[in-house]
Amino acid sequence: MPAETLPPKASTAANPKEEHQDPVYLRIRDMVYQTCGIYHSEEKLYLLTAACKRRMEKVKCAGPREYLDLLKVSDIATWKPTNC
């Protein structure tokens, strides 16, 4: 009996490779790893990207670059999130 081949999984993102390979998201990934030890491999980078997008909406950041800047300058002890 021949083995059946399954069709490739469809991606939910419009341009998943381009979006997840954005250097800004890679820098956010590195910052997360340095801060709390959570590492997102290349295969799971889409999870970090999705989480960043949800957070960017809440704090009203225009894009990943602005969000990275917010993460860099935020003092976790004094920073209060808006709209959360």
Protein backbone atom coordinates (compact mmCIF):
# COMPACT_ATOMS: atom_id res chain seq x y z
CA MET A 1 0.00 0.00 0.00
CA PRO A 2 1.63 3.31 -1.06
CA ALA A 3 2.07 6.03 1.54
CA GLU A 4 -0.17 9.05 1.14
CA THR A 5 1.38 12.48 1.03
CA LEU A 6 -0.30 15.36 2.74
CA PRO A 7 -0.53 18.81 1.17
CA PRO A 8 1.62 21.50 2.78
CA LYS A 9 0.02 23.46 5.59
CA ALA A 10 -1.34 26.83 4.63
CA SER A 11 -0.02 29.82 6.50
CA THR A 12 -2.42 32.29 8.10
CA ALA A 13 -0.13 35.29 7.62
CA ALA A 14 0.11 37.12 4.31
CA ASN A 15 3.92 37.08 4.13
CA PRO A 16 5.01 34.98 7.10
CA LYS A 17 8.69 34.60 6.24
CA GLU A 18 9.21 38.26 5.42
CA GLU A 19 7.29 39.50 8.45
CA HIS A 20 8.89 37.16 10.97
CA GLN A 21 12.36 37.76 9.59
CA ASP A 22 12.04 41.50 10.16
CA PRO A 23 15.22 42.50 12.02
CA VAL A 24 13.15 44.44 14.55
CA TYR A 25 11.32 41.29 15.66
CA LEU A 26 14.66 39.48 15.88
CA ARG A 27 15.96 42.24 18.16
CA ILE A 28 12.81 42.00 20.30
CA ARG A 29 13.39 38.23 20.48
CA ASP A 30 16.95 38.79 21.67
CA MET A 31 15.78 41.33 24.24
CA VAL A 32 13.18 38.89 25.60
CA TYR A 33 15.86 36.21 25.86
CA GLN A 34 18.31 38.51 27.66
CA THR A 35 15.64 39.79 30.03
CA CYS A 36 13.77 36.63 31.00
CA GLY A 37 15.47 33.68 29.33
CA ILE A 38 12.64 32.81 26.93
CA TYR A 39 13.97 31.99 23.48
CA HIS A 40 11.82 31.77 20.35
CA SER A 41 13.42 29.65 17.64
CA GLU A 42 13.02 30.57 13.99
CA GLU A 43 10.16 28.06 13.70
CA LYS A 44 8.27 29.69 16.60
CA LEU A 45 9.05 33.33 15.85
CA TYR A 46 5.50 33.76 14.55
CA LEU A 47 4.28 33.40 18.16
CA LEU A 48 6.43 36.30 19.30
CA THR A 49 5.34 38.38 16.32
CA ALA A 50 1.66 37.78 17.10
CA ALA A 51 2.16 38.65 20.78
CA CYS A 52 4.00 41.84 19.83
CA LYS A 53 1.19 42.87 17.49
CA ARG A 54 -1.43 42.39 20.22
CA ARG A 55 0.67 44.42 22.64
CA MET A 56 1.36 47.14 20.06
CA GLU A 57 -2.37 47.63 19.61
CA LYS A 58 -2.88 48.00 23.36
CA VAL A 59 -0.09 50.54 23.85
CA LYS A 60 -0.91 52.25 20.54
CA CYS A 61 2.47 51.79 18.88
CA ALA A 62 2.59 52.48 15.16
CA GLY A 63 4.86 49.54 14.39
CA PRO A 64 7.53 47.16 15.61
CA ARG A 65 10.30 49.78 15.56
CA GLU A 66 8.32 52.09 17.86
CA TYR A 67 7.48 49.14 20.11
CA LEU A 68 11.15 48.16 20.37
CA ASP A 69 12.01 51.75 21.32
CA LEU A 70 9.31 51.64 24.01
CA LEU A 71 10.75 48.41 25.38
CA LYS A 72 14.25 49.89 25.47
CA VAL A 73 13.35 53.05 27.38
CA SER A 74 10.65 51.66 29.65
CA ASP A 75 11.49 51.30 33.29
CA ILE A 76 9.48 48.30 34.38
CA ALA A 77 9.18 49.66 37.93
CA THR A 78 7.59 52.97 36.90
CA TRP A 79 6.00 52.30 33.53
CA LYS A 80 2.22 51.93 33.57
CA PRO A 81 0.64 50.46 30.46
CA THR A 82 -2.09 52.53 28.86
CA ASN A 83 -5.41 51.04 27.80
CA CYS A 84 -4.83 47.72 29.57
